[in-house]
Amino acid sequence: MRRQPGRARTRIALAAVAAAGLLAAGCGTSSDGESAAPAGNSKPGPAQGAPDGDKAQQDVPTKDDAEREKAAGAAEDGKADEGPAVEPLKAKPKTEPKTEPNAAVDDSAAAPWCRTGDLAASVRPLNSAAGNRYAALVLTNDSDATCRTRGWTGLQLVGADGTDVPTNVVRDGSRTPSMQTLAPGASAWSRLHWTVVAGDSDDPSGACRPKPAELQVIPPDTYDHTDTAWQLGEVCDAGRIESLPLAKGPGPAR
């Protein structure tokens, strides 16, 4: 039986439709209606929301990055421990020490102390007042060398028979002692003061002690005495004599 051409075309069209239906059934659909990816024919893409491959590779820290970050943190910690920066001190300009002119040589420090044998003593009267007597006691260097002395002398009155007459020496501190440097022939002097008015400490008969004939003088810082005549009368008030420390020169004439 001869087939009709129209029916043949219809069967071919139906076969094509069926093939298309089978192809669609093989692909399938997702639960949300989207087409599922064909199995075995394509690689899965990156997960939704994840960075692409190149960007992910850039954000992953490497070992070198960690070491650099650690070193930077240590440097920052070190700066924090050091505290605020301190400006270094500026060196002071070097100055030359001041030089003082040479001090004059103190002759008194170079000269030895005067010994008793280096000095000669003498006494001369000064102006007197009512009941009071004054005298200049002079020590003169009669040696061949310069010597020095300072301070008060020791005194002892002696009678004509060689016995000691009571003597009470009182140092007068109204003048400050000073060093006396005596070249050969130079002198230093001390003022003596006493009274000739008998007091309660003198002889009950109203007379003072026996009249002295000699004065023994002990220079400062020595133990021996040098002698000089005493022609100035009695010394009352139990032989009290007030003396000033030695001063430069032979003293006033009167």
C-alpha atoms as a PDB file:
ATOM      1  CA  MET A   1       0.000   0.000   0.000  1.00  0.00           C
ATOM      2  CA  ARG A   2       1.466   3.357  -0.917  1.00  0.00           C
ATOM      3  CA  ARG A   3       2.082   5.697   2.049  1.00  0.00           C
ATOM      4  CA  GLN A   4       0.894   9.206   1.976  1.00  0.00           C
ATOM      5  CA  PRO A   5       3.572  11.872   2.050  1.00  0.00           C
ATOM      6  CA  GLY A   6       1.720  13.971   4.598  1.00  0.00           C
ATOM      7  CA  ARG A   7       1.600  11.193   7.193  1.00  0.00           C
ATOM      8  CA  ALA A   8       5.324  10.559   6.766  1.00  0.00           C
ATOM      9  CA  ARG A   9       6.099  14.142   7.610  1.00  0.00           C
ATOM     10  CA  THR A  10       3.804  13.928  10.622  1.00  0.00           C
ATOM     11  CA  ARG A  11       5.665  10.875  12.012  1.00  0.00           C
ATOM     12  CA  ILE A  12       9.046  12.630  11.577  1.00  0.00           C
ATOM     13  CA  ALA A  13       7.778  15.687  13.458  1.00  0.00           C
ATOM     14  CA  LEU A  14       6.422  13.544  16.298  1.00  0.00           C
ATOM     15  CA  ALA A  15       9.743  11.694  16.537  1.00  0.00           C
ATOM     16  CA  ALA A  16      11.589  14.968  16.793  1.00  0.00           C
ATOM     17  CA  VAL A  17       9.258  16.161  19.522  1.00  0.00           C
ATOM     18  CA  ALA A  18       9.743  12.923  21.436  1.00  0.00           C
ATOM     19  CA  ALA A  19      13.499  13.177  21.164  1.00  0.00           C
ATOM     20  CA  ALA A  20      13.341  16.700  22.481  1.00  0.00           C
ATOM     21  CA  GLY A  21      11.181  15.523  25.368  1.00  0.00           C
ATOM     22  CA  LEU A  22      13.665  12.776  26.259  1.00  0.00           C
ATOM     23  CA  LEU A  23      16.510  15.306  26.169  1.00  0.00           C
ATOM     24  CA  ALA A  24      14.626  17.616  28.516  1.00  0.00           C
ATOM     25  CA  ALA A  25      13.864  14.732  30.884  1.00  0.00           C
ATOM     26  CA  GLY A  26      17.576  13.761  30.973  1.00  0.00           C
ATOM     27  CA  CYS A  27      18.602  17.292  32.033  1.00  0.00           C
ATOM     28  CA  GLY A  28      16.034  17.673  34.827  1.00  0.00           C
ATOM     29  CA  THR A  29      15.251  20.809  36.908  1.00  0.00           C
ATOM     30  CA  SER A  30      16.172  22.017  40.378  1.00  0.00           C
ATOM     31  CA  SER A  31      13.755  22.272  43.219  1.00  0.00           C
ATOM     32  CA  ASP A  32      13.458  26.011  42.729  1.00  0.00           C
ATOM     33  CA  GLY A  33      12.680  25.628  39.036  1.00  0.00           C
ATOM     34  CA  GLU A  34      16.170  26.385  37.764  1.00  0.00           C
ATOM     35  CA  SER A  35      17.812  24.005  35.392  1.00  0.00           C
ATOM     36  CA  ALA A  36      20.391  21.697  36.959  1.00  0.00           C
ATOM     37  CA  ALA A  37      23.855  21.570  35.503  1.00  0.00           C
ATOM     38  CA  PRO A  38      24.512  18.665  33.200  1.00  0.00           C
ATOM     39  CA  ALA A  39      26.422  15.906  34.942  1.00  0.00           C
ATOM     40  CA  GLY A  40      29.914  15.076  33.740  1.00  0.00           C
ATOM     41  CA  ASN A  41      30.045  17.757  31.105  1.00  0.00           C
ATOM     42  CA  SER A  42      31.029  20.907  33.138  1.00  0.00           C
ATOM     43  CA  LYS A  43      33.072  21.874  36.187  1.00  0.00           C
ATOM     44  CA  PRO A  44      31.259  23.309  39.195  1.00  0.00           C
ATOM     45  CA  GLY A  45      31.598  27.086  39.555  1.00  0.00           C
ATOM     46  CA  PRO A  46      32.599  28.837  42.727  1.00  0.00           C
ATOM     47  CA  ALA A  47      30.156  28.740  45.605  1.00  0.00           C
ATOM     48  CA  GLN A  48      27.672  31.575  45.871  1.00  0.00           C
ATOM     49  CA  GLY A  49      29.121  34.499  47.862  1.00  0.00           C
ATOM     50  CA  ALA A  50      32.720  33.130  47.826  1.00  0.00           C
ATOM     51  CA  PRO A  51      35.442  35.224  46.148  1.00  0.00           C
ATOM     52  CA  ASP A  52      36.702  34.247  42.838  1.00  0.00           C
ATOM     53  CA  GLY A  53      39.896  32.229  42.620  1.00  0.00           C
ATOM     54  CA  ASP A  54      42.308  35.162  41.940  1.00  0.00           C
ATOM     55  CA  LYS A  55      40.889  37.350  44.705  1.00  0.00           C
ATOM     56  CA  ALA A  56      40.967  34.542  47.281  1.00  0.00           C
ATOM     57  CA  GLN A  57      44.599  33.887  46.459  1.00  0.00           C
ATOM     58  CA  GLN A  58      45.444  37.545  47.104  1.00  0.00           C
ATOM     59  CA  ASP A  59      43.732  37.720  50.555  1.00  0.00           C
ATOM     60  CA  VAL A  60      45.367  34.621  52.067  1.00  0.00           C
ATOM     61  CA  PRO A  61      48.293  35.812  54.315  1.00  0.00           C
ATOM     62  CA  THR A  62      51.659  34.267  53.575  1.00  0.00           C
ATOM     63  CA  LYS A  63      54.485  33.401  56.020  1.00  0.00           C
ATOM     64  CA  ASP A  64      56.511  36.442  54.949  1.00  0.00           C
ATOM     65  CA  ASP A  65      53.511  38.699  55.619  1.00  0.00           C
ATOM     66  CA  ALA A  66      53.141  37.268  59.143  1.00  0.00           C
ATOM     67  CA  GLU A  67      56.827  37.805  59.942  1.00  0.00           C
ATOM     68  CA  ARG A  68      56.725  41.396  58.677  1.00  0.00           C
ATOM     69  CA  GLU A  69      53.609  42.092  60.743  1.00  0.00           C
ATOM     70  CA  LYS A  70      55.247  40.565  63.851  1.00  0.00           C
ATOM     71  CA  ALA A  71      58.402  42.670  63.409  1.00  0.00           C
ATOM     72  CA  ALA A  72      56.337  45.834  62.963  1.00  0.00           C
ATOM     73  CA  GLY A  73      54.406  45.062  66.157  1.00  0.00           C
ATOM     74  CA  ALA A  74      57.627  44.493  68.122  1.00  0.00           C
ATOM     75  CA  ALA A  75      59.020  47.796  66.887  1.00  0.00           C
ATOM     76  CA  GLU A  76      55.878  49.602  68.007  1.00  0.00           C
ATOM     77  CA  ASP A  77      56.053  47.917  71.450  1.00  0.00           C
ATOM     78  CA  GLY A  78      59.696  48.972  71.799  1.00  0.00           C
ATOM     79  CA  LYS A  79      58.820  52.580  71.108  1.00  0.00           C
ATOM     80  CA  ALA A  80      56.048  52.440  73.682  1.00  0.00           C
ATOM     81  CA  ASP A  81      58.446  51.076  76.346  1.00  0.00           C
ATOM     82  CA  GLU A  82      61.034  53.753  75.651  1.00  0.00           C
ATOM     83  CA  GLY A  83      58.604  56.489  76.604  1.00  0.00           C
ATOM     84  CA  PRO A  84      58.608  59.921  75.077  1.00  0.00           C
ATOM     85  CA  ALA A  85      61.609  60.882  73.055  1.00  0.00           C
ATOM     86  CA  VAL A  86      64.204  62.771  75.072  1.00  0.00           C
ATOM     87  CA  GLU A  87      66.283  65.404  73.432  1.00  0.00           C
ATOM     88  CA  PRO A  88      69.983  64.641  73.959  1.00  0.00           C
ATOM     89  CA  LEU A  89      71.775  66.984  76.329  1.00  0.00           C
ATOM     90  CA  LYS A  90      73.913  69.527  74.652  1.00  0.00           C
ATOM     91  CA  ALA A  91      77.509  69.514  75.760  1.00  0.00           C
ATOM     92  CA  LYS A  92      78.500  72.621  77.648  1.00  0.00           C
ATOM     93  CA  PRO A  93      81.150  74.665  75.961  1.00  0.00           C
ATOM     94  CA  LYS A  94      84.541  73.936  77.398  1.00  0.00           C
ATOM     95  CA  THR A  95      85.936  76.835  79.328  1.00  0.00           C
ATOM     96  CA  GLU A  96      89.462  77.338  80.402  1.00  0.00           C
ATOM     97  CA  PRO A  97      89.976  77.400  84.195  1.00  0.00           C
ATOM     98  CA  LYS A  98      90.481  80.790  85.643  1.00  0.00           C
ATOM     99  CA  THR A  99      93.962  81.472  86.823  1.00  0.00           C
ATOM    100  CA  GLU A 100      94.512  83.545  89.886  1.00  0.00           C
ATOM    101  CA  PRO A 101      97.579  85.664  90.270  1.00  0.00           C
ATOM    102  CA  ASN A 102     100.223  84.113  92.434  1.00  0.00           C
ATOM    103  CA  ALA A 103      99.568  84.897  96.072  1.00  0.00           C
ATOM    104  CA  ALA A 104     102.258  86.754  97.879  1.00  0.00           C
ATOM    105  CA  VAL A 105     104.498  84.513  99.911  1.00  0.00           C
ATOM    106  CA  ASP A 106     103.633  84.684 103.601  1.00  0.00           C
ATOM    107  CA  ASP A 107     106.959  85.359 105.263  1.00  0.00           C
ATOM    108  CA  SER A 108     105.494  84.570 108.667  1.00  0.00           C
ATOM    109  CA  ALA A 109     104.760  81.000 107.584  1.00  0.00           C
ATOM    110  CA  ALA A 110     108.366  80.505 106.447  1.00  0.00           C
ATOM    111  CA  ALA A 111     109.988  81.998 109.534  1.00  0.00           C
ATOM    112  CA  PRO A 112     110.553  79.811 112.622  1.00  0.00           C
ATOM    113  CA  TRP A 113     108.962  80.613 115.979  1.00  0.00           C
ATOM    114  CA  CYS A 114     110.920  82.997 118.140  1.00  0.00           C
ATOM    115  CA  ARG A 115     112.747  81.309 120.996  1.00  0.00           C
ATOM    116  CA  THR A 116     113.347  82.968 124.328  1.00  0.00           C
ATOM    117  CA  GLY A 117     117.040  83.381 123.505  1.00  0.00           C
ATOM    118  CA  ASP A 118     116.109  85.297 120.307  1.00  0.00           C
ATOM    119  CA  LEU A 119     114.287  88.070 122.186  1.00  0.00           C
ATOM    120  CA  ALA A 120     115.295  90.859 124.577  1.00  0.00           C
ATOM    121  CA  ALA A 121     112.626  92.340 126.912  1.00  0.00           C
ATOM    122  CA  SER A 122     112.218  95.875 128.195  1.00  0.00           C
ATOM    123  CA  VAL A 123     109.528  97.844 130.078  1.00  0.00           C
ATOM    124  CA  ARG A 124     108.871 101.565 129.974  1.00  0.00           C
ATOM    125  CA  PRO A 125     106.048 103.543 131.580  1.00  0.00           C
ATOM    126  CA  LEU A 126     103.122 105.020 129.697  1.00  0.00           C
ATOM    127  CA  ASN A 127     100.767 107.787 130.799  1.00  0.00           C
ATOM    128  CA  SER A 128      99.096 106.946 134.101  1.00  0.00           C
ATOM    129  CA  ALA A 129      95.696 107.803 135.593  1.00  0.00           C
ATOM    130  CA  ALA A 130      94.379 108.101 139.129  1.00  0.00           C
ATOM    131  CA  GLY A 131      95.344 104.864 140.884  1.00  0.00           C
ATOM    132  CA  ASN A 132      96.090 103.156 137.513  1.00  0.00           C
ATOM    133  CA  ARG A 133      99.431 102.518 135.900  1.00  0.00           C
ATOM    134  CA  TYR A 134     100.299 101.581 132.322  1.00  0.00           C
ATOM    135  CA  ALA A 135     103.497 100.374 130.696  1.00  0.00           C
ATOM    136  CA  ALA A 136     104.752  99.097 127.324  1.00  0.00           C
ATOM    137  CA  LEU A 137     106.399  95.705 127.440  1.00  0.00           C
ATOM    138  CA  VAL A 138     108.638  95.409 124.355  1.00  0.00           C
ATOM    139  CA  LEU A 139     110.172  92.260 122.863  1.00  0.00           C
ATOM    140  CA  THR A 140     112.982  92.879 120.351  1.00  0.00           C
ATOM    141  CA  ASN A 141     114.571  90.302 118.072  1.00  0.00           C
ATOM    142  CA  ASP A 142     118.276  90.489 118.897  1.00  0.00           C
ATOM    143  CA  SER A 143     119.193  87.381 116.871  1.00  0.00           C
ATOM    144  CA  ASP A 144     120.623  87.203 113.337  1.00  0.00           C
ATOM    145  CA  ALA A 145     117.514  85.575 111.789  1.00  0.00           C
ATOM    146  CA  THR A 146     113.882  86.464 111.290  1.00  0.00           C
ATOM    147  CA  CYS A 147     111.416  84.752 113.605  1.00  0.00           C
ATOM    148  CA  ARG A 148     107.704  84.981 114.372  1.00  0.00           C
ATOM    149  CA  THR A 149     105.578  85.188 117.498  1.00  0.00           C
ATOM    150  CA  ARG A 150     101.914  85.620 118.376  1.00  0.00           C
ATOM    151  CA  GLY A 151      99.700  86.123 121.413  1.00  0.00           C
ATOM    152  CA  TRP A 152     100.240  86.940 125.091  1.00  0.00           C
ATOM    153  CA  THR A 153     103.363  86.803 127.205  1.00  0.00           C
ATOM    154  CA  GLY A 154     103.745  85.211 130.603  1.00  0.00           C
ATOM    155  CA  LEU A 155     104.907  87.446 133.483  1.00  0.00           C
ATOM    156  CA  GLN A 156     106.389  87.022 136.936  1.00  0.00           C
ATOM    157  CA  LEU A 157     107.429  89.795 139.360  1.00  0.00           C
ATOM    158  CA  VAL A 158     110.565  89.184 141.413  1.00  0.00           C
ATOM    159  CA  GLY A 159     111.753  90.996 144.524  1.00  0.00           C
ATOM    160  CA  ALA A 160     115.207  92.419 145.161  1.00  0.00           C
ATOM    161  CA  ASP A 161     116.110  89.297 147.146  1.00  0.00           C
ATOM    162  CA  GLY A 162     115.218  87.034 144.213  1.00  0.00           C
ATOM    163  CA  THR A 163     111.968  85.755 145.651  1.00  0.00           C
ATOM    164  CA  ASP A 164     108.788  85.739 143.636  1.00  0.00           C
ATOM    165  CA  VAL A 165     106.323  88.526 144.256  1.00  0.00           C
ATOM    166  CA  PRO A 166     102.673  87.413 143.837  1.00  0.00           C
ATOM    167  CA  THR A 167     101.678  87.997 140.226  1.00  0.00           C
ATOM    168  CA  ASN A 168      98.311  87.437 138.601  1.00  0.00           C
ATOM    169  CA  VAL A 169      98.402  87.937 134.837  1.00  0.00           C
ATOM    170  CA  VAL A 170      94.998  88.505 133.166  1.00  0.00           C
ATOM    171  CA  ARG A 171      94.742  88.387 129.385  1.00  0.00           C
ATOM    172  CA  ASP A 172      92.927  91.376 127.891  1.00  0.00           C
ATOM    173  CA  GLY A 173      90.942  90.103 124.902  1.00  0.00           C
ATOM    174  CA  SER A 174      89.869  93.512 123.611  1.00  0.00           C
ATOM    175  CA  ARG A 175      92.485  93.170 120.851  1.00  0.00           C
ATOM    176  CA  THR A 176      92.691  90.155 118.539  1.00  0.00           C
ATOM    177  CA  PRO A 177      96.069  88.376 118.512  1.00  0.00           C
ATOM    178  CA  SER A 178      97.980  88.646 115.241  1.00  0.00           C
ATOM    179  CA  MET A 179     101.136  87.095 113.873  1.00  0.00           C
ATOM    180  CA  GLN A 180     104.236  89.194 114.410  1.00  0.00           C
ATOM    181  CA  THR A 181     107.169  88.539 112.092  1.00  0.00           C
ATOM    182  CA  LEU A 182     110.306  90.048 113.539  1.00  0.00           C
ATOM    183  CA  ALA A 183     113.355  90.645 111.403  1.00  0.00           C
ATOM    184  CA  PRO A 184     116.614  91.152 113.308  1.00  0.00           C
ATOM    185  CA  GLY A 185     116.228  94.357 115.372  1.00  0.00           C
ATOM    186  CA  ALA A 186     112.401  94.499 114.934  1.00  0.00           C
ATOM    187  CA  SER A 187     110.047  94.657 117.930  1.00  0.00           C
ATOM    188  CA  ALA A 188     106.538  93.799 119.113  1.00  0.00           C
ATOM    189  CA  TRP A 189     104.876  95.261 122.171  1.00  0.00           C
ATOM    190  CA  SER A 190     102.125  94.634 124.726  1.00  0.00           C
ATOM    191  CA  ARG A 191     100.383  97.136 126.975  1.00  0.00           C
ATOM    192  CA  LEU A 192     100.340  96.346 130.707  1.00  0.00           C
ATOM    193  CA  HIS A 193      97.840  97.766 133.166  1.00  0.00           C
ATOM    194  CA  TRP A 194      97.710  97.506 136.991  1.00  0.00           C
ATOM    195  CA  THR A 195      96.566  99.455 140.019  1.00  0.00           C
ATOM    196  CA  VAL A 196      98.527 101.002 142.894  1.00  0.00           C
ATOM    197  CA  VAL A 197      95.501 101.259 145.168  1.00  0.00           C
ATOM    198  CA  ALA A 198      95.526  98.640 147.904  1.00  0.00           C
ATOM    199  CA  GLY A 199      92.432  96.466 148.042  1.00  0.00           C
ATOM    200  CA  ASP A 200      90.930  93.855 150.288  1.00  0.00           C
ATOM    201  CA  SER A 201      93.247  91.229 148.873  1.00  0.00           C
ATOM    202  CA  ASP A 202      96.366  93.179 149.827  1.00  0.00           C
ATOM    203  CA  ASP A 203      98.207  93.448 153.161  1.00  0.00           C
ATOM    204  CA  PRO A 204      95.804  94.293 156.042  1.00  0.00           C
ATOM    205  CA  SER A 205      98.151  97.124 157.089  1.00  0.00           C
ATOM    206  CA  GLY A 206      97.205  98.940 153.893  1.00  0.00           C
ATOM    207  CA  ALA A 207     100.525  98.373 152.081  1.00  0.00           C
ATOM    208  CA  CYS A 208     100.744  96.388 148.844  1.00  0.00           C
ATOM    209  CA  ARG A 209     103.056  93.490 148.342  1.00  0.00           C
ATOM    210  CA  PRO A 210     106.789  93.962 148.461  1.00  0.00           C
ATOM    211  CA  LYS A 211     108.089  96.227 145.723  1.00  0.00           C
ATOM    212  CA  PRO A 212     109.262  94.229 142.679  1.00  0.00           C
ATOM    213  CA  ALA A 213     112.771  94.785 141.331  1.00  0.00           C
ATOM    214  CA  GLU A 214     112.614  92.585 138.260  1.00  0.00           C
ATOM    215  CA  LEU A 215     110.152  91.240 135.715  1.00  0.00           C
ATOM    216  CA  GLN A 216     110.536  87.806 134.172  1.00  0.00           C
ATOM    217  CA  VAL A 217     108.990  87.611 130.691  1.00  0.00           C
ATOM    218  CA  ILE A 218     108.045  84.339 129.002  1.00  0.00           C
ATOM    219  CA  PRO A 219     107.485  84.878 125.236  1.00  0.00           C
ATOM    220  CA  PRO A 220     104.472  83.209 123.604  1.00  0.00           C
ATOM    221  CA  ASP A 221     104.789  79.469 122.954  1.00  0.00           C
ATOM    222  CA  THR A 222     107.938  79.135 125.051  1.00  0.00           C
ATOM    223  CA  TYR A 223     108.727  77.898 128.558  1.00  0.00           C
ATOM    224  CA  ASP A 224     111.849  79.832 129.487  1.00  0.00           C
ATOM    225  CA  HIS A 225     111.927  83.475 130.524  1.00  0.00           C
ATOM    226  CA  THR A 226     114.041  86.499 129.757  1.00  0.00           C
ATOM    227  CA  ASP A 227     114.509  89.188 132.461  1.00  0.00           C
ATOM    228  CA  THR A 228     114.247  92.959 132.578  1.00  0.00           C
ATOM    229  CA  ALA A 229     114.419  95.506 135.393  1.00  0.00           C
ATOM    230  CA  TRP A 230     111.165  96.683 137.013  1.00  0.00           C
ATOM    231  CA  GLN A 231     111.268 100.259 138.237  1.00  0.00           C
ATOM    232  CA  LEU A 232     107.562 101.018 138.173  1.00  0.00           C
ATOM    233  CA  GLY A 233     106.685 100.536 141.829  1.00  0.00           C
ATOM    234  CA  GLU A 234     104.257  98.256 143.586  1.00  0.00           C
ATOM    235  CA  VAL A 235     101.498  96.232 141.907  1.00  0.00           C
ATOM    236  CA  CYS A 236      98.420  96.102 144.121  1.00  0.00           C
ATOM    237  CA  ASP A 237      95.275  93.962 143.998  1.00  0.00           C
ATOM    238  CA  ALA A 238      97.375  90.854 144.699  1.00  0.00           C
ATOM    239  CA  GLY A 239      99.719  91.526 141.775  1.00  0.00           C
ATOM    240  CA  ARG A 240      96.998  91.695 139.117  1.00  0.00           C
ATOM    241  CA  ILE A 241      98.384  92.769 135.726  1.00  0.00           C
ATOM    242  CA  GLU A 242      96.199  92.988 132.651  1.00  0.00           C
ATOM    243  CA  SER A 243      98.036  92.523 129.336  1.00  0.00           C
ATOM    244  CA  LEU A 244      97.100  92.871 125.677  1.00  0.00           C
ATOM    245  CA  PRO A 245      98.428  90.472 122.988  1.00  0.00           C
ATOM    246  CA  LEU A 246     101.589  91.486 121.160  1.00  0.00           C
ATOM    247  CA  ALA A 247     101.243  94.103 118.424  1.00  0.00           C
ATOM    248  CA  LYS A 248     103.612  95.408 115.796  1.00  0.00           C
ATOM    249  CA  GLY A 249     106.333  97.884 116.741  1.00  0.00           C
ATOM    250  CA  PRO A 250     107.762  99.207 120.012  1.00  0.00           C
ATOM    251  CA  GLY A 251     104.518 100.881 121.103  1.00  0.00           C
ATOM    252  CA  PRO A 252     103.826 104.541 121.918  1.00  0.00           C
ATOM    253  CA  ALA A 253     106.507 106.723 123.479  1.00  0.00           C
ATOM    254  CA  ARG A 254     104.280 107.557 126.456  1.00  0.00           C
END
